[in-house]
mmCIF file of all heavy atoms, coordinates in Angstrom:
data_MODEL
# 
_entry.id   MODEL 
# 
loop_
_atom_site.group_PDB 
_atom_site.id 
_atom_site.type_symbol 
_atom_site.label_atom_id 
_atom_site.label_alt_id 
_atom_site.label_comp_id 
_atom_site.label_asym_id 
_atom_site.label_entity_id 
_atom_site.label_seq_id 
_atom_site.pdbx_PDB_ins_code 
_atom_site.Cartn_x 
_atom_site.Cartn_y 
_atom_site.Cartn_z 
_atom_site.occupancy 
_atom_site.B_iso_or_equiv 
_atom_site.pdbx_formal_charge 
_atom_site.auth_seq_id 
_atom_site.auth_comp_id 
_atom_site.auth_asym_id 
_atom_site.auth_atom_id 
_atom_site.pdbx_PDB_model_num 
ATOM 1   N N   . ALA A 1 1  ? 0.829  -1.208 0.000   1.00 0.00 ? 1  ALA A N   1 
ATOM 2   C CA  . ALA A 1 1  ? 0.000  0.000  0.000   1.00 0.00 ? 1  ALA A CA  1 
ATOM 3   C C   . ALA A 1 1  ? 0.863  1.258  0.000   1.00 0.00 ? 1  ALA A C   1 
ATOM 4   O O   . ALA A 1 1  ? 0.577  2.225  -0.719  1.00 0.00 ? 1  ALA A O   1 
ATOM 5   C CB  . ALA A 1 1  ? -0.936 -0.001 1.206   1.00 0.00 ? 1  ALA A CB  1 
ATOM 6   N N   . ASP A 1 2  ? 1.918  1.249  0.794   1.00 0.00 ? 2  ASP A N   1 
ATOM 7   C CA  . ASP A 1 2  ? 2.808  2.408  0.843   1.00 0.00 ? 2  ASP A CA  1 
ATOM 8   C C   . ASP A 1 2  ? 3.483  2.647  -0.501  1.00 0.00 ? 2  ASP A C   1 
ATOM 9   O O   . ASP A 1 2  ? 3.708  3.801  -0.894  1.00 0.00 ? 2  ASP A O   1 
ATOM 10  C CB  . ASP A 1 2  ? 3.867  2.224  1.930   1.00 0.00 ? 2  ASP A CB  1 
ATOM 11  C CG  . ASP A 1 2  ? 3.290  2.336  3.339   1.00 0.00 ? 2  ASP A CG  1 
ATOM 12  O OD1 . ASP A 1 2  ? 2.148  2.832  3.473   1.00 0.00 ? 2  ASP A OD1 1 
ATOM 13  O OD2 . ASP A 1 2  ? 3.977  1.920  4.300   1.00 0.00 ? 2  ASP A OD2 1 
ATOM 14  N N   . ALA A 1 3  ? 3.814  1.572  -1.204  1.00 0.00 ? 3  ALA A N   1 
ATOM 15  C CA  . ALA A 1 3  ? 4.462  1.713  -2.509  1.00 0.00 ? 3  ALA A CA  1 
ATOM 16  C C   . ALA A 1 3  ? 3.518  2.354  -3.526  1.00 0.00 ? 3  ALA A C   1 
ATOM 17  O O   . ALA A 1 3  ? 3.927  3.194  -4.337  1.00 0.00 ? 3  ALA A O   1 
ATOM 18  C CB  . ALA A 1 3  ? 4.923  0.347  -3.010  1.00 0.00 ? 3  ALA A CB  1 
ATOM 19  N N   . VAL A 1 4  ? 2.245  1.955  -3.471  1.00 0.00 ? 4  VAL A N   1 
ATOM 20  C CA  . VAL A 1 4  ? 1.253  2.554  -4.371  1.00 0.00 ? 4  VAL A CA  1 
ATOM 21  C C   . VAL A 1 4  ? 1.098  4.037  -4.070  1.00 0.00 ? 4  VAL A C   1 
ATOM 22  O O   . VAL A 1 4  ? 1.139  4.884  -4.971  1.00 0.00 ? 4  VAL A O   1 
ATOM 23  C CB  . VAL A 1 4  ? -0.106 1.844  -4.234  1.00 0.00 ? 4  VAL A CB  1 
ATOM 24  C CG1 . VAL A 1 4  ? -1.179 2.563  -5.058  1.00 0.00 ? 4  VAL A CG1 1 
ATOM 25  C CG2 . VAL A 1 4  ? 0.011  0.391  -4.669  1.00 0.00 ? 4  VAL A CG2 1 
ATOM 26  N N   . ARG A 1 5  ? 0.942  4.380  -2.804  1.00 0.00 ? 5  ARG A N   1 
ATOM 27  C CA  . ARG A 1 5  ? 0.762  5.778  -2.422  1.00 0.00 ? 5  ARG A CA  1 
ATOM 28  C C   . ARG A 1 5  ? 2.007  6.613  -2.723  1.00 0.00 ? 5  ARG A C   1 
ATOM 29  O O   . ARG A 1 5  ? 1.900  7.791  -3.095  1.00 0.00 ? 5  ARG A O   1 
ATOM 30  C CB  . ARG A 1 5  ? 0.411  5.877  -0.941  1.00 0.00 ? 5  ARG A CB  1 
ATOM 31  C CG  . ARG A 1 5  ? -0.878 5.161  -0.536  1.00 0.00 ? 5  ARG A CG  1 
ATOM 32  C CD  . ARG A 1 5  ? -2.049 5.591  -1.373  1.00 0.00 ? 5  ARG A CD  1 
ATOM 33  N NE  . ARG A 1 5  ? -3.299 4.958  -0.940  1.00 0.00 ? 5  ARG A NE  1 
ATOM 34  C CZ  . ARG A 1 5  ? -4.312 4.703  -1.743  1.00 0.00 ? 5  ARG A CZ  1 
ATOM 35  N NH1 . ARG A 1 5  ? -4.231 5.020  -3.021  1.00 0.00 ? 5  ARG A NH1 1 
ATOM 36  N NH2 . ARG A 1 5  ? -5.406 4.127  -1.293  1.00 0.00 ? 5  ARG A NH2 1 
ATOM 37  N N   . ALA A 1 6  ? 3.177  6.009  -2.579  1.00 0.00 ? 6  ALA A N   1 
ATOM 38  C CA  . ALA A 1 6  ? 4.408  6.735  -2.891  1.00 0.00 ? 6  ALA A CA  1 
ATOM 39  C C   . ALA A 1 6  ? 4.470  7.075  -4.376  1.00 0.00 ? 6  ALA A C   1 
ATOM 40  O O   . ALA A 1 6  ? 4.870  8.186  -4.761  1.00 0.00 ? 6  ALA A O   1 
ATOM 41  C CB  . ALA A 1 6  ? 5.627  5.911  -2.479  1.00 0.00 ? 6  ALA A CB  1 
ATOM 42  N N   . ASP A 1 7  ? 4.087  6.134  -5.224  1.00 0.00 ? 7  ASP A N   1 
ATOM 43  C CA  . ASP A 1 7  ? 4.036  6.412  -6.669  1.00 0.00 ? 7  ASP A CA  1 
ATOM 44  C C   . ASP A 1 7  ? 3.089  7.567  -6.960  1.00 0.00 ? 7  ASP A C   1 
ATOM 45  O O   . ASP A 1 7  ? 3.384  8.446  -7.782  1.00 0.00 ? 7  ASP A O   1 
ATOM 46  C CB  . ASP A 1 7  ? 3.555  5.169  -7.422  1.00 0.00 ? 7  ASP A CB  1 
ATOM 47  C CG  . ASP A 1 7  ? 4.666  4.176  -7.696  1.00 0.00 ? 7  ASP A CG  1 
ATOM 48  O OD1 . ASP A 1 7  ? 5.833  4.458  -7.358  1.00 0.00 ? 7  ASP A OD1 1 
ATOM 49  O OD2 . ASP A 1 7  ? 4.364  3.097  -8.259  1.00 0.00 ? 7  ASP A OD2 1 
ATOM 50  N N   . GLU A 1 8  ? 1.952  7.566  -6.302  1.00 0.00 ? 8  GLU A N   1 
ATOM 51  C CA  . GLU A 1 8  ? 0.947  8.598  -6.560  1.00 0.00 ? 8  GLU A CA  1 
ATOM 52  C C   . GLU A 1 8  ? 1.413  9.967  -6.073  1.00 0.00 ? 8  GLU A C   1 
ATOM 53  O O   . GLU A 1 8  ? 1.169  10.984 -6.734  1.00 0.00 ? 8  GLU A O   1 
ATOM 54  C CB  . GLU A 1 8  ? -0.376 8.185  -5.930  1.00 0.00 ? 8  GLU A CB  1 
ATOM 55  C CG  . GLU A 1 8  ? -0.969 6.962  -6.620  1.00 0.00 ? 8  GLU A CG  1 
ATOM 56  C CD  . GLU A 1 8  ? -2.174 6.365  -5.939  1.00 0.00 ? 8  GLU A CD  1 
ATOM 57  O OE1 . GLU A 1 8  ? -2.382 6.639  -4.729  1.00 0.00 ? 8  GLU A OE1 1 
ATOM 58  O OE2 . GLU A 1 8  ? -2.917 5.629  -6.601  1.00 0.00 ? 8  GLU A OE2 1 
ATOM 59  N N   . ARG A 1 9  ? 2.100  10.014 -4.943  1.00 0.00 ? 9  ARG A N   1 
ATOM 60  C CA  . ARG A 1 9  ? 2.651  11.287 -4.469  1.00 0.00 ? 9  ARG A CA  1 
ATOM 61  C C   . ARG A 1 9  ? 3.718  11.797 -5.424  1.00 0.00 ? 9  ARG A C   1 
ATOM 62  O O   . ARG A 1 9  ? 3.812  13.001 -5.696  1.00 0.00 ? 9  ARG A O   1 
ATOM 63  C CB  . ARG A 1 9  ? 3.234  11.112 -3.060  1.00 0.00 ? 9  ARG A CB  1 
ATOM 64  C CG  . ARG A 1 9  ? 2.184  10.965 -1.964  1.00 0.00 ? 9  ARG A CG  1 
ATOM 65  C CD  . ARG A 1 9  ? 2.816  11.130 -0.595  1.00 0.00 ? 9  ARG A CD  1 
ATOM 66  N NE  . ARG A 1 9  ? 3.849  10.131 -0.345  1.00 0.00 ? 9  ARG A NE  1 
ATOM 67  C CZ  . ARG A 1 9  ? 3.614  8.942  0.206   1.00 0.00 ? 9  ARG A CZ  1 
ATOM 68  N NH1 . ARG A 1 9  ? 2.376  8.595  0.547   1.00 0.00 ? 9  ARG A NH1 1 
ATOM 69  N NH2 . ARG A 1 9  ? 4.595  8.095  0.435   1.00 0.00 ? 9  ARG A NH2 1 
ATOM 70  N N   . GLU A 1 10 ? 4.520  10.864 -5.932  1.00 0.00 ? 10 GLU A N   1 
ATOM 71  C CA  . GLU A 1 10 ? 5.576  11.262 -6.867  1.00 0.00 ? 10 GLU A CA  1 
ATOM 72  C C   . GLU A 1 10 ? 4.986  11.813 -8.157  1.00 0.00 ? 10 GLU A C   1 
ATOM 73  O O   . GLU A 1 10 ? 5.493  12.774 -8.734  1.00 0.00 ? 10 GLU A O   1 
ATOM 74  C CB  . GLU A 1 10 ? 6.478  10.065 -7.159  1.00 0.00 ? 10 GLU A CB  1 
ATOM 75  C CG  . GLU A 1 10 ? 7.816  10.450 -7.736  1.00 0.00 ? 10 GLU A CG  1 
ATOM 76  C CD  . GLU A 1 10 ? 8.840  9.322  -7.634  1.00 0.00 ? 10 GLU A CD  1 
ATOM 77  O OE1 . GLU A 1 10 ? 8.468  8.188  -7.301  1.00 0.00 ? 10 GLU A OE1 1 
ATOM 78  O OE2 . GLU A 1 10 ? 10.014 9.609  -7.907  1.00 0.00 ? 10 GLU A OE2 1 
ATOM 79  N N   . ALA A 1 11 ? 3.901  11.203 -8.621  1.00 0.00 ? 11 ALA A N   1 
ATOM 80  C CA  . ALA A 1 11 ? 3.231  11.698 -9.825  1.00 0.00 ? 11 ALA A CA  1 
ATOM 81  C C   . ALA A 1 11 ? 2.771  13.131 -9.614  1.00 0.00 ? 11 ALA A C   1 
ATOM 82  O O   . ALA A 1 11 ? 2.947  13.996 -10.490 1.00 0.00 ? 11 ALA A O   1 
ATOM 83  C CB  . ALA A 1 11 ? 2.052  10.799 -10.175 1.00 0.00 ? 11 ALA A CB  1 
ATOM 84  N N   . ALA A 1 12 ? 2.184  13.403 -8.447  1.00 0.00 ? 12 ALA A N   1 
ATOM 85  C CA  . ALA A 1 12 ? 1.719  14.752 -8.146  1.00 0.00 ? 12 ALA A CA  1 
ATOM 86  C C   . ALA A 1 12 ? 2.890  15.733 -8.106  1.00 0.00 ? 12 ALA A C   1 
ATOM 87  O O   . ALA A 1 12 ? 2.792  16.863 -8.616  1.00 0.00 ? 12 ALA A O   1 
ATOM 88  C CB  . ALA A 1 12 ? 0.971  14.765 -6.822  1.00 0.00 ? 12 ALA A CB  1 
ATOM 89  N N   . ALA A 1 13 ? 4.012  15.302 -7.527  1.00 0.00 ? 13 ALA A N   1 
ATOM 90  C CA  . ALA A 1 13 ? 5.184  16.170 -7.443  1.00 0.00 ? 13 ALA A CA  1 
ATOM 91  C C   . ALA A 1 13 ? 5.751  16.489 -8.824  1.00 0.00 ? 13 ALA A C   1 
ATOM 92  O O   . ALA A 1 13 ? 6.308  17.568 -9.049  1.00 0.00 ? 13 ALA A O   1 
ATOM 93  C CB  . ALA A 1 13 ? 6.257  15.506 -6.574  1.00 0.00 ? 13 ALA A CB  1 
ATOM 94  N N   . LEU A 1 14 ? 5.595  15.565 -9.748  1.00 0.00 ? 14 LEU A N   1 
ATOM 95  C CA  . LEU A 1 14 ? 6.094  15.771 -11.109 1.00 0.00 ? 14 LEU A CA  1 
ATOM 96  C C   . LEU A 1 14 ? 5.108  16.545 -11.972 1.00 0.00 ? 14 LEU A C   1 
ATOM 97  O O   . LEU A 1 14 ? 5.413  16.870 -13.124 1.00 0.00 ? 14 LEU A O   1 
ATOM 98  C CB  . LEU A 1 14 ? 6.402  14.424 -11.761 1.00 0.00 ? 14 LEU A CB  1 
ATOM 99  C CG  . LEU A 1 14 ? 7.613  13.666 -11.199 1.00 0.00 ? 14 LEU A CG  1 
ATOM 100 C CD1 . LEU A 1 14 ? 7.648  12.240 -11.752 1.00 0.00 ? 14 LEU A CD1 1 
ATOM 101 C CD2 . LEU A 1 14 ? 8.907  14.397 -11.551 1.00 0.00 ? 14 LEU A CD2 1 
ATOM 102 N N   . GLY A 1 15 ? 3.930  16.819 -11.437 1.00 0.00 ? 15 GLY A N   1 
ATOM 103 C CA  . GLY A 1 15 ? 2.961  17.603 -12.183 1.00 0.00 ? 15 GLY A CA  1 
ATOM 104 C C   . GLY A 1 15 ? 1.997  16.792 -13.022 1.00 0.00 ? 15 GLY A C   1 
ATOM 105 O O   . GLY A 1 15 ? 1.357  17.339 -13.932 1.00 0.00 ? 15 GLY A O   1 
ATOM 106 N N   . ALA A 1 16 ? 1.868  15.495 -12.742 1.00 0.00 ? 16 ALA A N   1 
ATOM 107 C CA  . ALA A 1 16 ? 0.962  14.646 -13.508 1.00 0.00 ? 16 ALA A CA  1 
ATOM 108 C C   . ALA A 1 16 ? -0.457 14.806 -12.980 1.00 0.00 ? 16 ALA A C   1 
ATOM 109 O O   . ALA A 1 16 ? -0.773 14.339 -11.897 1.00 0.00 ? 16 ALA A O   1 
ATOM 110 C CB  . ALA A 1 16 ? 1.393  13.184 -13.410 1.00 0.00 ? 16 ALA A CB  1 
ATOM 111 N N   . GLY A 1 17 ? -1.301 15.449 -13.777 1.00 0.00 ? 17 GLY A N   1 
ATOM 112 C CA  . GLY A 1 17 ? -2.687 15.615 -13.383 1.00 0.00 ? 17 GLY A CA  1 
ATOM 113 C C   . GLY A 1 17 ? -3.576 14.523 -13.922 1.00 0.00 ? 17 GLY A C   1 
ATOM 114 O O   . GLY A 1 17 ? -4.751 14.433 -13.577 1.00 0.00 ? 17 GLY A O   1 
ATOM 115 N N   . GLY A 1 18 ? -3.042 13.691 -14.795 1.00 0.00 ? 18 GLY A N   1 
ATOM 116 C CA  . GLY A 1 18 ? -3.788 12.594 -15.391 1.00 0.00 ? 18 GLY A CA  1 
ATOM 117 C C   . GLY A 1 18 ? -2.835 11.581 -15.967 1.00 0.00 ? 18 GLY A C   1 
ATOM 118 O O   . GLY A 1 18 ? -1.607 11.762 -15.941 1.00 0.00 ? 18 GLY A O   1 
ATOM 119 N N   . VAL A 1 19 ? -3.384 10.508 -16.494 1.00 0.00 ? 19 VAL A N   1 
ATOM 120 C CA  . VAL A 1 19 ? -2.573 9.432  -17.050 1.00 0.00 ? 19 VAL A CA  1 
ATOM 121 C C   . VAL A 1 19 ? -3.148 9.004  -18.405 1.00 0.00 ? 19 VAL A C   1 
ATOM 122 O O   . VAL A 1 19 ? -4.332 9.226  -18.671 1.00 0.00 ? 19 VAL A O   1 
ATOM 123 C CB  . VAL A 1 19 ? -2.511 8.227  -16.084 1.00 0.00 ? 19 VAL A CB  1 
ATOM 124 C CG1 . VAL A 1 19 ? -1.594 8.520  -14.924 1.00 0.00 ? 19 VAL A CG1 1 
ATOM 125 C CG2 . VAL A 1 19 ? -3.888 7.818  -15.569 1.00 0.00 ? 19 VAL A CG2 1 
ATOM 126 N N   . PRO A 1 20 ? -2.272 8.401  -19.252 1.00 0.00 ? 20 PRO A N   1 
ATOM 127 C CA  . PRO A 1 20 ? -0.891 7.986  -18.971 1.00 0.00 ? 20 PRO A CA  1 
ATOM 128 C C   . PRO A 1 20 ? 0.053  9.183  -18.928 1.00 0.00 ? 20 PRO A C   1 
ATOM 129 O O   . PRO A 1 20 ? -0.160 10.192 -19.587 1.00 0.00 ? 20 PRO A O   1 
ATOM 130 C CB  . PRO A 1 20 ? -0.550 7.063  -20.149 1.00 0.00 ? 20 PRO A CB  1 
ATOM 131 C CG  . PRO A 1 20 ? -1.385 7.596  -21.275 1.00 0.00 ? 20 PRO A CG  1 
ATOM 132 C CD  . PRO A 1 20 ? -2.675 8.022  -20.634 1.00 0.00 ? 20 PRO A CD  1 
ATOM 133 N N   . PHE A 1 21 ? 1.107  9.023  -18.149 1.00 0.00 ? 21 PHE A N   1 
ATOM 134 C CA  . PHE A 1 21 ? 2.118  10.058 -17.998 1.00 0.00 ? 21 PHE A CA  1 
ATOM 135 C C   . PHE A 1 21 ? 3.483  9.378  -18.072 1.00 0.00 ? 21 PHE A C   1 
ATOM 136 O O   . PHE A 1 21 ? 3.778  8.490  -17.285 1.00 0.00 ? 21 PHE A O   1 
ATOM 137 C CB  . PHE A 1 21 ? 1.948  10.781 -16.668 1.00 0.00 ? 21 PHE A CB  1 
ATOM 138 C CG  . PHE A 1 21 ? 2.812  12.004 -16.513 1.00 0.00 ? 21 PHE A CG  1 
ATOM 139 C CD1 . PHE A 1 21 ? 2.544  13.150 -17.244 1.00 0.00 ? 21 PHE A CD1 1 
ATOM 140 C CD2 . PHE A 1 21 ? 3.883  12.006 -15.633 1.00 0.00 ? 21 PHE A CD2 1 
ATOM 141 C CE1 . PHE A 1 21 ? 3.337  14.294 -17.103 1.00 0.00 ? 21 PHE A CE1 1 
ATOM 142 C CE2 . PHE A 1 21 ? 4.677  13.128 -15.482 1.00 0.00 ? 21 PHE A CE2 1 
ATOM 143 C CZ  . PHE A 1 21 ? 4.409  14.283 -16.222 1.00 0.00 ? 21 PHE A CZ  1 
ATOM 144 N N   . PHE A 1 22 ? 4.288  9.781  -19.036 1.00 0.00 ? 22 PHE A N   1 
ATOM 145 C CA  . PHE A 1 22 ? 5.578  9.150  -19.313 1.00 0.00 ? 22 PHE A CA  1 
ATOM 146 C C   . PHE A 1 22 ? 6.701  10.110 -18.923 1.00 0.00 ? 22 PHE A C   1 
ATOM 147 O O   . PHE A 1 22 ? 6.691  11.280 -19.302 1.00 0.00 ? 22 PHE A O   1 
ATOM 148 C CB  . PHE A 1 22 ? 5.707  8.826  -20.808 1.00 0.00 ? 22 PHE A CB  1 
ATOM 149 C CG  . PHE A 1 22 ? 4.617  7.938  -21.355 1.00 0.00 ? 22 PHE A CG  1 
ATOM 150 C CD1 . PHE A 1 22 ? 3.354  8.454  -21.634 1.00 0.00 ? 22 PHE A CD1 1 
ATOM 151 C CD2 . PHE A 1 22 ? 4.845  6.598  -21.610 1.00 0.00 ? 22 PHE A CD2 1 
ATOM 152 C CE1 . PHE A 1 22 ? 2.336  7.647  -22.146 1.00 0.00 ? 22 PHE A CE1 1 
ATOM 153 C CE2 . PHE A 1 22 ? 3.837  5.779  -22.121 1.00 0.00 ? 22 PHE A CE2 1 
ATOM 154 C CZ  . PHE A 1 22 ? 2.583  6.311  -22.387 1.00 0.00 ? 22 PHE A CZ  1 
ATOM 155 N N   . VAL A 1 23 ? 7.679  9.603  -18.175 1.00 0.00 ? 23 VAL A N   1 
ATOM 156 C CA  . VAL A 1 23 ? 8.827  10.404 -17.773 1.00 0.00 ? 23 VAL A CA  1 
ATOM 157 C C   . VAL A 1 23 ? 10.092 9.698  -18.240 1.00 0.00 ? 23 VAL A C   1 
ATOM 158 O O   . VAL A 1 23 ? 10.334 8.537  -17.892 1.00 0.00 ? 23 VAL A O   1 
ATOM 159 C CB  . VAL A 1 23 ? 8.859  10.616 -16.244 1.00 0.00 ? 23 VAL A CB  1 
ATOM 160 C CG1 . VAL A 1 23 ? 10.124 11.377 -15.844 1.00 0.00 ? 23 VAL A CG1 1 
ATOM 161 C CG2 . VAL A 1 23 ? 7.616  11.369 -15.786 1.00 0.00 ? 23 VAL A CG2 1 
ATOM 162 N N   . LEU A 1 24 ? 10.879 10.391 -19.032 1.00 0.00 ? 24 LEU A N   1 
ATOM 163 C CA  . LEU A 1 24 ? 12.081 9.816  -19.626 1.00 0.00 ? 24 LEU A CA  1 
ATOM 164 C C   . LEU A 1 24 ? 13.308 10.371 -18.926 1.00 0.00 ? 24 LEU A C   1 
ATOM 165 O O   . LEU A 1 24 ? 13.580 11.587 -19.001 1.00 0.00 ? 24 LEU A O   1 
ATOM 166 C CB  . LEU A 1 24 ? 12.158 10.125 -21.122 1.00 0.00 ? 24 LEU A CB  1 
ATOM 167 C CG  . LEU A 1 24 ? 11.096 9.470  -22.016 1.00 0.00 ? 24 LEU A CG  1 
ATOM 168 C CD1 . LEU A 1 24 ? 9.772  10.243 -21.939 1.00 0.00 ? 24 LEU A CD1 1 
ATOM 169 C CD2 . LEU A 1 24 ? 11.568 9.399  -23.467 1.00 0.00 ? 24 LEU A CD2 1 
# 
């Protein structure tokens, strides 16, 4: 559960407001 939430927090920090979101 923590791993899922960590991914989601990281997405928000990177500015992802929706998906799919690709970071290279």
